[in-house]
Amino acid sequence: MRVIEPINPKKPELETITEETRIPPKRRHKRKFIIFCFMVFVLLAAVVIVLAGKAQAPNSTSIKSEPKNNVPEIGTQADTKPKQLAVFTPDQFKELYDSIAYPNTTAIQTPPTITGNEAADDRMRQIAEKRGYKLRSIPVSPIVKIGDPNLGDDDLLQEKALEGWKLLKAAANSEGLPLRIVSGYRSPQLQRSIFVSRYNDTGGTAAAAASGQADSIINAILITSALPGYSRHHTGYTIDLQCNNGSLEAFVTSPCFTWISRNNYENAKKTGWIPSYPEGAAQQGPEPEPWEYVWVGVDAVMK
């Protein structure tokens, strides 16, 4: 006789069999480890990509500053082509002078008095301007003493011009040349006394100037002397030179002129100077004055 055992309500149900439970435990652990490694790899890759993007993005420390005033940075191709002194024709020297904005100067707006006779003064200005003379500029604030005991009221220059003169003088002295200044800054008042004195010495009068009878006398003086208000010496950037104690007129035949004018005024330009009234320029006011030079700065004569 078979005995059928009763069902025990406390006996656990059979465990449900799934795909997971069919995999051996060792393989399950290995699979989990591979998934974990893959996730770590993905996470690390994402971090690397983000960091690389930040490194390439522009920021305040990585942006390369642009050179100021379009000046190439040191080490660029432009540095392999150093600037050289430019070569000028007589008219180009004249144009260069007129193109410079001279620091610490302001243009003279009202022509200064010459003789005090309005008609005579107007006649003199007409003759001067027909020759090419122009009203110039005067210093805005005080300029500096040259300190040359041989000079008087004209013992003054703009600071930059004085620095340029010291360099020019030192360069000449190194060649054994006794280059010296005979005139620096001249005020309109000083220029007036020079011109009127020369005019009076010829016997000229205000009445003769006003009537046109003194035109030839005025023209002759204007060859070397400007009217007040029309001299480049008013700016404080102009000098007259001598070679030792020779006269102005003798300067052109002196060794000083040979040296300063050589190779298109190379020695003058090296220290920022150009001829004020060079030979060959048209309608520049006076006749060529080999002894007069104007400071424009070294940068202005480079190419």
C-alpha atoms as a PDB file:
ATOM      1  CA  MET A   1       0.000   0.000   0.000  1.00  0.00           C
ATOM      2  CA  ARG A   2       1.470   3.387  -1.099  1.00  0.00           C
ATOM      3  CA  VAL A   3       1.626   6.081   1.419  1.00  0.00           C
ATOM      4  CA  ILE A   4       1.234   9.495  -0.021  1.00  0.00           C
ATOM      5  CA  GLU A   5       2.986  12.138   1.963  1.00  0.00           C
ATOM      6  CA  PRO A   6       1.002  15.256   2.601  1.00  0.00           C
ATOM      7  CA  ILE A   7       2.260  18.515   1.208  1.00  0.00           C
ATOM      8  CA  ASN A   8       4.227  20.453   3.772  1.00  0.00           C
ATOM      9  CA  PRO A   9       3.071  24.047   3.653  1.00  0.00           C
ATOM     10  CA  LYS A  10       6.338  25.195   5.189  1.00  0.00           C
ATOM     11  CA  LYS A  11       8.532  23.710   2.451  1.00  0.00           C
ATOM     12  CA  PRO A  12       9.877  26.404   0.137  1.00  0.00           C
ATOM     13  CA  GLU A  13       8.715  26.647  -3.451  1.00  0.00           C
ATOM     14  CA  LEU A  14      11.093  25.605  -6.157  1.00  0.00           C
ATOM     15  CA  GLU A  15      13.441  28.498  -7.194  1.00  0.00           C
ATOM     16  CA  THR A  16      12.484  30.151 -10.474  1.00  0.00           C
ATOM     17  CA  ILE A  17      15.083  29.376 -13.123  1.00  0.00           C
ATOM     18  CA  THR A  18      16.246  32.422 -15.198  1.00  0.00           C
ATOM     19  CA  GLU A  19      19.046  33.179 -17.763  1.00  0.00           C
ATOM     20  CA  GLU A  20      21.093  34.685 -14.957  1.00  0.00           C
ATOM     21  CA  THR A  21      20.765  31.664 -12.750  1.00  0.00           C
ATOM     22  CA  ARG A  22      21.831  29.362 -15.540  1.00  0.00           C
ATOM     23  CA  ILE A  23      25.240  31.156 -15.813  1.00  0.00           C
ATOM     24  CA  PRO A  24      27.841  29.796 -13.474  1.00  0.00           C
ATOM     25  CA  PRO A  25      28.846  32.171 -10.665  1.00  0.00           C
ATOM     26  CA  LYS A  26      32.416  32.606 -11.930  1.00  0.00           C
ATOM     27  CA  ARG A  27      31.238  33.673 -15.373  1.00  0.00           C
ATOM     28  CA  ARG A  28      28.720  36.079 -13.835  1.00  0.00           C
ATOM     29  CA  HIS A  29      31.473  37.833 -11.850  1.00  0.00           C
ATOM     30  CA  LYS A  30      33.698  38.039 -14.898  1.00  0.00           C
ATOM     31  CA  ARG A  31      30.907  39.605 -16.946  1.00  0.00           C
ATOM     32  CA  LYS A  32      30.217  42.208 -14.271  1.00  0.00           C
ATOM     33  CA  PHE A  33      33.901  43.074 -14.096  1.00  0.00           C
ATOM     34  CA  ILE A  34      34.055  43.632 -17.884  1.00  0.00           C
ATOM     35  CA  ILE A  35      31.004  45.928 -17.787  1.00  0.00           C
ATOM     36  CA  PHE A  36      32.523  47.874 -14.898  1.00  0.00           C
ATOM     37  CA  CYS A  37      35.810  48.336 -16.770  1.00  0.00           C
ATOM     38  CA  PHE A  38      33.996  49.493 -19.891  1.00  0.00           C
ATOM     39  CA  MET A  39      32.043  52.119 -17.911  1.00  0.00           C
ATOM     40  CA  VAL A  40      35.233  53.383 -16.275  1.00  0.00           C
ATOM     41  CA  PHE A  41      36.891  53.640 -19.706  1.00  0.00           C
ATOM     42  CA  VAL A  42      33.952  55.647 -21.118  1.00  0.00           C
ATOM     43  CA  LEU A  43      33.984  57.962 -18.115  1.00  0.00           C
ATOM     44  CA  LEU A  44      37.734  58.591 -18.401  1.00  0.00           C
ATOM     45  CA  ALA A  45      37.451  59.238 -22.130  1.00  0.00           C
ATOM     46  CA  ALA A  46      34.729  61.831 -21.500  1.00  0.00           C
ATOM     47  CA  VAL A  47      36.898  63.591 -18.913  1.00  0.00           C
ATOM     48  CA  VAL A  48      39.874  63.709 -21.326  1.00  0.00           C
ATOM     49  CA  ILE A  49      37.712  65.174 -24.103  1.00  0.00           C
ATOM     50  CA  VAL A  50      36.356  67.905 -21.811  1.00  0.00           C
ATOM     51  CA  LEU A  51      39.813  68.847 -20.546  1.00  0.00           C
ATOM     52  CA  ALA A  52      41.225  68.946 -24.070  1.00  0.00           C
ATOM     53  CA  GLY A  53      38.423  71.255 -25.182  1.00  0.00           C
ATOM     54  CA  LYS A  54      39.106  73.665 -22.339  1.00  0.00           C
ATOM     55  CA  ALA A  55      42.822  73.743 -23.157  1.00  0.00           C
ATOM     56  CA  GLN A  56      42.087  74.780 -26.720  1.00  0.00           C
ATOM     57  CA  ALA A  57      39.401  77.328 -25.874  1.00  0.00           C
ATOM     58  CA  PRO A  58      40.604  80.988 -25.801  1.00  0.00           C
ATOM     59  CA  ASN A  59      40.856  82.645 -22.413  1.00  0.00           C
ATOM     60  CA  SER A  60      42.545  85.611 -20.784  1.00  0.00           C
ATOM     61  CA  THR A  61      45.814  83.778 -20.324  1.00  0.00           C
ATOM     62  CA  SER A  62      46.047  81.984 -23.642  1.00  0.00           C
ATOM     63  CA  ILE A  63      45.085  84.776 -26.062  1.00  0.00           C
ATOM     64  CA  LYS A  64      48.127  86.164 -27.825  1.00  0.00           C
ATOM     65  CA  SER A  65      48.238  89.935 -27.657  1.00  0.00           C
ATOM     66  CA  GLU A  66      48.330  91.817 -30.926  1.00  0.00           C
ATOM     67  CA  PRO A  67      51.440  93.980 -31.404  1.00  0.00           C
ATOM     68  CA  LYS A  68      50.743  97.641 -30.680  1.00  0.00           C
ATOM     69  CA  ASN A  69      50.719 100.100 -33.558  1.00  0.00           C
ATOM     70  CA  ASN A  70      51.164  97.214 -36.011  1.00  0.00           C
ATOM     71  CA  VAL A  71      54.826  96.872 -34.977  1.00  0.00           C
ATOM     72  CA  PRO A  72      55.997  93.271 -35.577  1.00  0.00           C
ATOM     73  CA  GLU A  73      57.011  91.350 -32.489  1.00  0.00           C
ATOM     74  CA  ILE A  74      60.642  90.529 -31.870  1.00  0.00           C
ATOM     75  CA  GLY A  75      61.588  87.380 -33.715  1.00  0.00           C
ATOM     76  CA  THR A  76      59.096  87.798 -36.558  1.00  0.00           C
ATOM     77  CA  GLN A  77      60.063  87.909 -40.210  1.00  0.00           C
ATOM     78  CA  ALA A  78      59.994  91.724 -40.147  1.00  0.00           C
ATOM     79  CA  ASP A  79      63.000  91.727 -37.817  1.00  0.00           C
ATOM     80  CA  THR A  80      65.168  90.256 -40.575  1.00  0.00           C
ATOM     81  CA  LYS A  81      64.753  93.467 -42.558  1.00  0.00           C
ATOM     82  CA  PRO A  82      66.165  96.297 -40.408  1.00  0.00           C
ATOM     83  CA  LYS A  83      65.245  99.835 -41.349  1.00  0.00           C
ATOM     84  CA  GLN A  84      67.718 101.922 -43.306  1.00  0.00           C
ATOM     85  CA  LEU A  85      68.234 105.638 -43.865  1.00  0.00           C
ATOM     86  CA  ALA A  86      66.041 106.851 -46.721  1.00  0.00           C
ATOM     87  CA  VAL A  87      67.455 108.837 -49.633  1.00  0.00           C
ATOM     88  CA  PHE A  88      65.727 112.166 -50.357  1.00  0.00           C
ATOM     89  CA  THR A  89      65.694 114.557 -53.274  1.00  0.00           C
ATOM     90  CA  PRO A  90      65.942 118.278 -52.416  1.00  0.00           C
ATOM     91  CA  ASP A  91      62.175 118.692 -52.821  1.00  0.00           C
ATOM     92  CA  GLN A  92      61.546 115.597 -50.680  1.00  0.00           C
ATOM     93  CA  PHE A  93      63.608 117.140 -47.883  1.00  0.00           C
ATOM     94  CA  LYS A  94      61.389 120.209 -48.198  1.00  0.00           C
ATOM     95  CA  GLU A  95      58.203 118.099 -48.150  1.00  0.00           C
ATOM     96  CA  LEU A  96      59.448 116.112 -45.144  1.00  0.00           C
ATOM     97  CA  TYR A  97      59.928 119.291 -43.144  1.00  0.00           C
ATOM     98  CA  ASP A  98      56.366 120.413 -43.897  1.00  0.00           C
ATOM     99  CA  SER A  99      54.919 116.991 -43.007  1.00  0.00           C
ATOM    100  CA  ILE A 100      56.311 116.846 -39.464  1.00  0.00           C
ATOM    101  CA  ALA A 101      54.067 117.693 -36.502  1.00  0.00           C
ATOM    102  CA  TYR A 102      56.604 119.338 -34.201  1.00  0.00           C
ATOM    103  CA  PRO A 103      55.910 118.737 -30.486  1.00  0.00           C
ATOM    104  CA  ASN A 104      55.460 121.718 -28.167  1.00  0.00           C
ATOM    105  CA  THR A 105      54.694 124.193 -30.983  1.00  0.00           C
ATOM    106  CA  THR A 106      51.673 126.089 -32.245  1.00  0.00           C
ATOM    107  CA  ALA A 107      51.235 127.810 -35.583  1.00  0.00           C
ATOM    108  CA  ILE A 108      51.574 131.603 -35.776  1.00  0.00           C
ATOM    109  CA  GLN A 109      48.157 132.878 -36.868  1.00  0.00           C
ATOM    110  CA  THR A 110      48.777 136.637 -37.067  1.00  0.00           C
ATOM    111  CA  PRO A 111      51.934 137.896 -38.831  1.00  0.00           C
ATOM    112  CA  PRO A 112      54.116 139.934 -36.454  1.00  0.00           C
ATOM    113  CA  THR A 113      54.811 143.601 -37.105  1.00  0.00           C
ATOM    114  CA  ILE A 114      57.904 144.381 -39.194  1.00  0.00           C
ATOM    115  CA  THR A 115      58.287 148.155 -39.638  1.00  0.00           C
ATOM    116  CA  GLY A 116      55.074 149.332 -38.039  1.00  0.00           C
ATOM    117  CA  ASN A 117      53.918 150.699 -41.402  1.00  0.00           C
ATOM    118  CA  GLU A 118      51.022 148.468 -42.460  1.00  0.00           C
ATOM    119  CA  ALA A 119      51.460 149.055 -46.193  1.00  0.00           C
ATOM    120  CA  ALA A 120      55.207 148.450 -45.997  1.00  0.00           C
ATOM    121  CA  ASP A 121      54.742 145.292 -43.955  1.00  0.00           C
ATOM    122  CA  ASP A 122      52.132 143.926 -46.382  1.00  0.00           C
ATOM    123  CA  ARG A 123      54.481 144.586 -49.303  1.00  0.00           C
ATOM    124  CA  MET A 124      57.351 142.773 -47.589  1.00  0.00           C
ATOM    125  CA  ARG A 125      55.137 139.755 -46.794  1.00  0.00           C
ATOM    126  CA  GLN A 126      53.918 139.534 -50.390  1.00  0.00           C
ATOM    127  CA  ILE A 127      57.504 139.440 -51.659  1.00  0.00           C
ATOM    128  CA  ALA A 128      58.512 136.861 -49.050  1.00  0.00           C
ATOM    129  CA  GLU A 129      55.543 134.548 -49.688  1.00  0.00           C
ATOM    130  CA  LYS A 130      56.107 134.747 -53.438  1.00  0.00           C
ATOM    131  CA  ARG A 131      59.574 133.314 -52.796  1.00  0.00           C
ATOM    132  CA  GLY A 132      58.052 130.428 -50.797  1.00  0.00           C
ATOM    133  CA  TYR A 133      58.289 131.723 -47.236  1.00  0.00           C
ATOM    134  CA  LYS A 134      55.499 130.547 -44.897  1.00  0.00           C
ATOM    135  CA  LEU A 135      54.354 131.531 -41.444  1.00  0.00           C
ATOM    136  CA  ARG A 136      55.896 129.110 -38.961  1.00  0.00           C
ATOM    137  CA  SER A 137      55.266 127.935 -35.405  1.00  0.00           C
ATOM    138  CA  ILE A 138      56.486 128.950 -31.966  1.00  0.00           C
ATOM    139  CA  PRO A 139      56.954 126.986 -28.726  1.00  0.00           C
ATOM    140  CA  VAL A 140      53.940 126.493 -26.500  1.00  0.00           C
ATOM    141  CA  SER A 141      55.908 126.057 -23.271  1.00  0.00           C
ATOM    142  CA  PRO A 142      59.468 127.030 -22.284  1.00  0.00           C
ATOM    143  CA  ILE A 143      62.362 125.306 -24.043  1.00  0.00           C
ATOM    144  CA  VAL A 144      65.852 124.510 -22.756  1.00  0.00           C
ATOM    145  CA  LYS A 145      69.197 126.288 -22.703  1.00  0.00           C
ATOM    146  CA  ILE A 146      71.945 124.993 -24.950  1.00  0.00           C
ATOM    147  CA  GLY A 147      74.592 126.386 -22.639  1.00  0.00           C
ATOM    148  CA  ASP A 148      76.885 127.685 -25.376  1.00  0.00           C
ATOM    149  CA  PRO A 149      78.772 130.775 -24.104  1.00  0.00           C
ATOM    150  CA  ASN A 150      79.116 132.062 -27.675  1.00  0.00           C
ATOM    151  CA  LEU A 151      75.348 132.442 -28.080  1.00  0.00           C
ATOM    152  CA  GLY A 152      73.019 135.145 -26.787  1.00  0.00           C
ATOM    153  CA  ASP A 153      69.226 135.248 -26.837  1.00  0.00           C
ATOM    154  CA  ASP A 154      69.250 132.357 -29.302  1.00  0.00           C
ATOM    155  CA  ASP A 155      70.941 129.979 -26.836  1.00  0.00           C
ATOM    156  CA  LEU A 156      67.799 127.804 -26.685  1.00  0.00           C
ATOM    157  CA  LEU A 157      66.421 124.666 -28.344  1.00  0.00           C
ATOM    158  CA  GLN A 158      63.557 122.242 -27.932  1.00  0.00           C
ATOM    159  CA  GLU A 159      64.669 119.392 -25.666  1.00  0.00           C
ATOM    160  CA  LYS A 160      64.647 116.729 -28.400  1.00  0.00           C
ATOM    161  CA  ALA A 161      66.569 119.000 -30.767  1.00  0.00           C
ATOM    162  CA  LEU A 162      69.165 119.651 -28.066  1.00  0.00           C
ATOM    163  CA  GLU A 163      69.651 115.909 -27.585  1.00  0.00           C
ATOM    164  CA  GLY A 164      70.055 115.574 -31.348  1.00  0.00           C
ATOM    165  CA  TRP A 165      72.585 118.397 -31.439  1.00  0.00           C
ATOM    166  CA  LYS A 166      74.706 116.774 -28.736  1.00  0.00           C
ATOM    167  CA  LEU A 167      74.797 113.546 -30.747  1.00  0.00           C
ATOM    168  CA  LEU A 168      75.658 115.381 -33.963  1.00  0.00           C
ATOM    169  CA  LYS A 169      78.404 117.395 -32.279  1.00  0.00           C
ATOM    170  CA  ALA A 170      79.885 114.273 -30.649  1.00  0.00           C
ATOM    171  CA  ALA A 171      79.912 112.451 -33.996  1.00  0.00           C
ATOM    172  CA  ALA A 172      81.667 115.399 -35.671  1.00  0.00           C
ATOM    173  CA  ASN A 173      84.187 115.738 -32.852  1.00  0.00           C
ATOM    174  CA  SER A 174      85.018 112.034 -33.129  1.00  0.00           C
ATOM    175  CA  GLU A 175      86.128 112.826 -36.695  1.00  0.00           C
ATOM    176  CA  GLY A 176      88.192 115.802 -35.509  1.00  0.00           C
ATOM    177  CA  LEU A 177      85.700 118.350 -36.911  1.00  0.00           C
ATOM    178  CA  PRO A 178      85.094 121.582 -34.911  1.00  0.00           C
ATOM    179  CA  LEU A 179      81.334 121.785 -35.585  1.00  0.00           C
ATOM    180  CA  ARG A 180      79.517 124.449 -33.541  1.00  0.00           C
ATOM    181  CA  ILE A 181      76.176 126.232 -33.339  1.00  0.00           C
ATOM    182  CA  VAL A 182      75.998 129.937 -34.143  1.00  0.00           C
ATOM    183  CA  SER A 183      72.231 130.263 -33.700  1.00  0.00           C
ATOM    184  CA  GLY A 184      69.422 128.216 -32.189  1.00  0.00           C
ATOM    185  CA  TYR A 185      65.893 129.317 -31.316  1.00  0.00           C
ATOM    186  CA  ARG A 186      64.928 132.823 -32.411  1.00  0.00           C
ATOM    187  CA  SER A 187      61.779 134.534 -31.253  1.00  0.00           C
ATOM    188  CA  PRO A 188      59.791 136.621 -33.754  1.00  0.00           C
ATOM    189  CA  GLN A 189      61.040 139.711 -31.899  1.00  0.00           C
ATOM    190  CA  LEU A 190      64.681 138.689 -32.353  1.00  0.00           C
ATOM    191  CA  GLN A 191      64.052 137.884 -36.022  1.00  0.00           C
ATOM    192  CA  ARG A 192      62.422 141.277 -36.503  1.00  0.00           C
ATOM    193  CA  SER A 193      65.464 143.087 -35.130  1.00  0.00           C
ATOM    194  CA  ILE A 194      67.754 141.105 -37.480  1.00  0.00           C
ATOM    195  CA  PHE A 195      65.689 141.816 -40.601  1.00  0.00           C
ATOM    196  CA  VAL A 196      64.940 145.478 -39.868  1.00  0.00           C
ATOM    197  CA  SER A 197      68.587 146.135 -39.003  1.00  0.00           C
ATOM    198  CA  ARG A 198      69.715 144.735 -42.351  1.00  0.00           C
ATOM    199  CA  TYR A 199      67.046 146.665 -44.196  1.00  0.00           C
ATOM    200  CA  ASN A 200      67.942 149.914 -42.489  1.00  0.00           C
ATOM    201  CA  ASP A 201      71.630 149.342 -43.211  1.00  0.00           C
ATOM    202  CA  THR A 202      70.808 149.512 -46.931  1.00  0.00           C
ATOM    203  CA  GLY A 203      69.139 152.900 -46.472  1.00  0.00           C
ATOM    204  CA  GLY A 204      65.689 151.422 -46.935  1.00  0.00           C
ATOM    205  CA  THR A 205      62.675 153.151 -45.416  1.00  0.00           C
ATOM    206  CA  ALA A 206      59.133 152.110 -44.643  1.00  0.00           C
ATOM    207  CA  ALA A 207      57.838 154.561 -47.242  1.00  0.00           C
ATOM    208  CA  ALA A 208      60.099 153.070 -49.934  1.00  0.00           C
ATOM    209  CA  ALA A 209      58.905 149.571 -49.050  1.00  0.00           C
ATOM    210  CA  ALA A 210      55.245 150.632 -49.133  1.00  0.00           C
ATOM    211  CA  SER A 211      55.607 152.244 -52.563  1.00  0.00           C
ATOM    212  CA  GLY A 212      57.431 149.273 -54.087  1.00  0.00           C
ATOM    213  CA  GLN A 213      60.660 151.214 -54.600  1.00  0.00           C
ATOM    214  CA  ALA A 214      62.567 148.886 -52.251  1.00  0.00           C
ATOM    215  CA  ASP A 215      61.473 145.558 -53.743  1.00  0.00           C
ATOM    216  CA  SER A 216      64.954 144.628 -54.971  1.00  0.00           C
ATOM    217  CA  ILE A 217      66.478 145.485 -51.574  1.00  0.00           C
ATOM    218  CA  ILE A 218      63.886 143.381 -49.747  1.00  0.00           C
ATOM    219  CA  ASN A 219      64.441 140.468 -52.127  1.00  0.00           C
ATOM    220  CA  ALA A 220      68.193 140.615 -51.576  1.00  0.00           C
ATOM    221  CA  ILE A 221      67.800 140.462 -47.797  1.00  0.00           C
ATOM    222  CA  LEU A 222      65.301 137.592 -48.074  1.00  0.00           C
ATOM    223  CA  ILE A 223      67.990 135.450 -49.714  1.00  0.00           C
ATOM    224  CA  THR A 224      69.395 134.732 -46.251  1.00  0.00           C
ATOM    225  CA  SER A 225      67.068 136.396 -43.718  1.00  0.00           C
ATOM    226  CA  ALA A 226      63.411 135.635 -43.036  1.00  0.00           C
ATOM    227  CA  LEU A 227      60.767 138.098 -41.949  1.00  0.00           C
ATOM    228  CA  PRO A 228      59.595 137.828 -38.335  1.00  0.00           C
ATOM    229  CA  GLY A 229      57.083 135.001 -38.131  1.00  0.00           C
ATOM    230  CA  TYR A 230      58.508 133.274 -41.214  1.00  0.00           C
ATOM    231  CA  SER A 231      61.735 131.783 -39.813  1.00  0.00           C
ATOM    232  CA  ARG A 232      62.168 128.086 -39.098  1.00  0.00           C
ATOM    233  CA  HIS A 233      64.246 129.115 -36.115  1.00  0.00           C
ATOM    234  CA  HIS A 234      60.987 130.127 -34.369  1.00  0.00           C
ATOM    235  CA  THR A 235      60.136 126.456 -33.701  1.00  0.00           C
ATOM    236  CA  GLY A 236      63.201 125.710 -31.590  1.00  0.00           C
ATOM    237  CA  TYR A 237      64.101 122.784 -33.851  1.00  0.00           C
ATOM    238  CA  THR A 238      66.507 124.627 -36.184  1.00  0.00           C
ATOM    239  CA  ILE A 239      70.203 125.462 -35.925  1.00  0.00           C
ATOM    240  CA  ASP A 240      72.818 127.383 -37.912  1.00  0.00           C
ATOM    241  CA  LEU A 241      76.282 125.810 -38.003  1.00  0.00           C
ATOM    242  CA  GLN A 242      79.868 126.931 -38.353  1.00  0.00           C
ATOM    243  CA  CYS A 243      83.057 124.986 -38.809  1.00  0.00           C
ATOM    244  CA  ASN A 244      85.192 126.392 -36.016  1.00  0.00           C
ATOM    245  CA  ASN A 245      85.048 130.193 -36.419  1.00  0.00           C
ATOM    246  CA  GLY A 246      84.371 130.357 -40.135  1.00  0.00           C
ATOM    247  CA  SER A 247      81.512 132.441 -41.517  1.00  0.00           C
ATOM    248  CA  LEU A 248      78.113 131.038 -42.478  1.00  0.00           C
ATOM    249  CA  GLU A 249      78.878 131.525 -46.155  1.00  0.00           C
ATOM    250  CA  ALA A 250      82.195 129.685 -45.778  1.00  0.00           C
ATOM    251  CA  PHE A 251      80.505 126.614 -44.295  1.00  0.00           C
ATOM    252  CA  VAL A 252      79.770 125.123 -47.732  1.00  0.00           C
ATOM    253  CA  THR A 253      83.489 124.809 -48.518  1.00  0.00           C
ATOM    254  CA  SER A 254      84.477 123.526 -45.063  1.00  0.00           C
ATOM    255  CA  PRO A 255      85.355 119.944 -44.072  1.00  0.00           C
ATOM    256  CA  CYS A 256      82.369 120.065 -41.697  1.00  0.00           C
ATOM    257  CA  PHE A 257      79.966 120.460 -44.639  1.00  0.00           C
ATOM    258  CA  THR A 258      81.747 117.733 -46.600  1.00  0.00           C
ATOM    259  CA  TRP A 259      81.257 115.397 -43.653  1.00  0.00           C
ATOM    260  CA  ILE A 260      77.655 116.300 -42.792  1.00  0.00           C
ATOM    261  CA  SER A 261      76.391 116.277 -46.403  1.00  0.00           C
ATOM    262  CA  ARG A 262      78.159 113.108 -47.524  1.00  0.00           C
ATOM    263  CA  ASN A 263      75.958 110.327 -48.955  1.00  0.00           C
ATOM    264  CA  ASN A 264      72.736 112.346 -49.013  1.00  0.00           C
ATOM    265  CA  TYR A 265      73.410 113.926 -45.590  1.00  0.00           C
ATOM    266  CA  GLU A 266      73.957 110.535 -43.973  1.00  0.00           C
ATOM    267  CA  ASN A 267      75.761 111.883 -40.896  1.00  0.00           C
ATOM    268  CA  ALA A 268      73.056 114.470 -40.318  1.00  0.00           C
ATOM    269  CA  LYS A 269      70.231 111.943 -40.689  1.00  0.00           C
ATOM    270  CA  LYS A 270      71.873 109.468 -38.300  1.00  0.00           C
ATOM    271  CA  THR A 271      71.162 111.917 -35.478  1.00  0.00           C
ATOM    272  CA  GLY A 272      67.777 113.118 -36.759  1.00  0.00           C
ATOM    273  CA  TRP A 273      68.798 116.219 -38.759  1.00  0.00           C
ATOM    274  CA  ILE A 274      68.067 117.223 -42.356  1.00  0.00           C
ATOM    275  CA  PRO A 275      69.164 120.253 -44.397  1.00  0.00           C
ATOM    276  CA  SER A 276      66.705 123.073 -43.834  1.00  0.00           C
ATOM    277  CA  TYR A 277      67.082 124.664 -47.281  1.00  0.00           C
ATOM    278  CA  PRO A 278      68.919 122.185 -49.535  1.00  0.00           C
ATOM    279  CA  GLU A 279      70.398 122.988 -52.901  1.00  0.00           C
ATOM    280  CA  GLY A 280      67.930 122.250 -55.691  1.00  0.00           C
ATOM    281  CA  ALA A 281      64.594 122.623 -53.882  1.00  0.00           C
ATOM    282  CA  ALA A 282      62.119 124.962 -55.556  1.00  0.00           C
ATOM    283  CA  GLN A 283      60.562 128.048 -53.918  1.00  0.00           C
ATOM    284  CA  GLN A 284      61.618 127.348 -50.374  1.00  0.00           C
ATOM    285  CA  GLY A 285      61.971 130.959 -49.254  1.00  0.00           C
ATOM    286  CA  PRO A 286      65.649 131.775 -48.940  1.00  0.00           C
ATOM    287  CA  GLU A 287      68.331 130.563 -51.295  1.00  0.00           C
ATOM    288  CA  PRO A 288      69.958 127.247 -50.285  1.00  0.00           C
ATOM    289  CA  GLU A 289      71.567 127.584 -46.854  1.00  0.00           C
ATOM    290  CA  PRO A 290      74.199 124.874 -46.379  1.00  0.00           C
ATOM    291  CA  TRP A 291      74.640 125.939 -42.750  1.00  0.00           C
ATOM    292  CA  GLU A 292      71.005 125.549 -41.570  1.00  0.00           C
ATOM    293  CA  TYR A 293      69.621 122.207 -40.310  1.00  0.00           C
ATOM    294  CA  VAL A 294      66.301 121.084 -38.863  1.00  0.00           C
ATOM    295  CA  TRP A 295      65.737 118.274 -36.365  1.00  0.00           C
ATOM    296  CA  VAL A 296      62.991 115.864 -37.483  1.00  0.00           C
ATOM    297  CA  GLY A 297      64.016 112.757 -35.549  1.00  0.00           C
ATOM    298  CA  VAL A 298      65.671 109.559 -36.740  1.00  0.00           C
ATOM    299  CA  ASP A 299      62.370 107.727 -37.328  1.00  0.00           C
ATOM    300  CA  ALA A 300      61.329 110.316 -39.906  1.00  0.00           C
ATOM    301  CA  VAL A 301      64.340 109.608 -42.128  1.00  0.00           C
ATOM    302  CA  MET A 302      64.125 105.807 -42.068  1.00  0.00           C
ATOM    303  CA  LYS A 303      62.526 103.547 -44.666  1.00  0.00           C
END
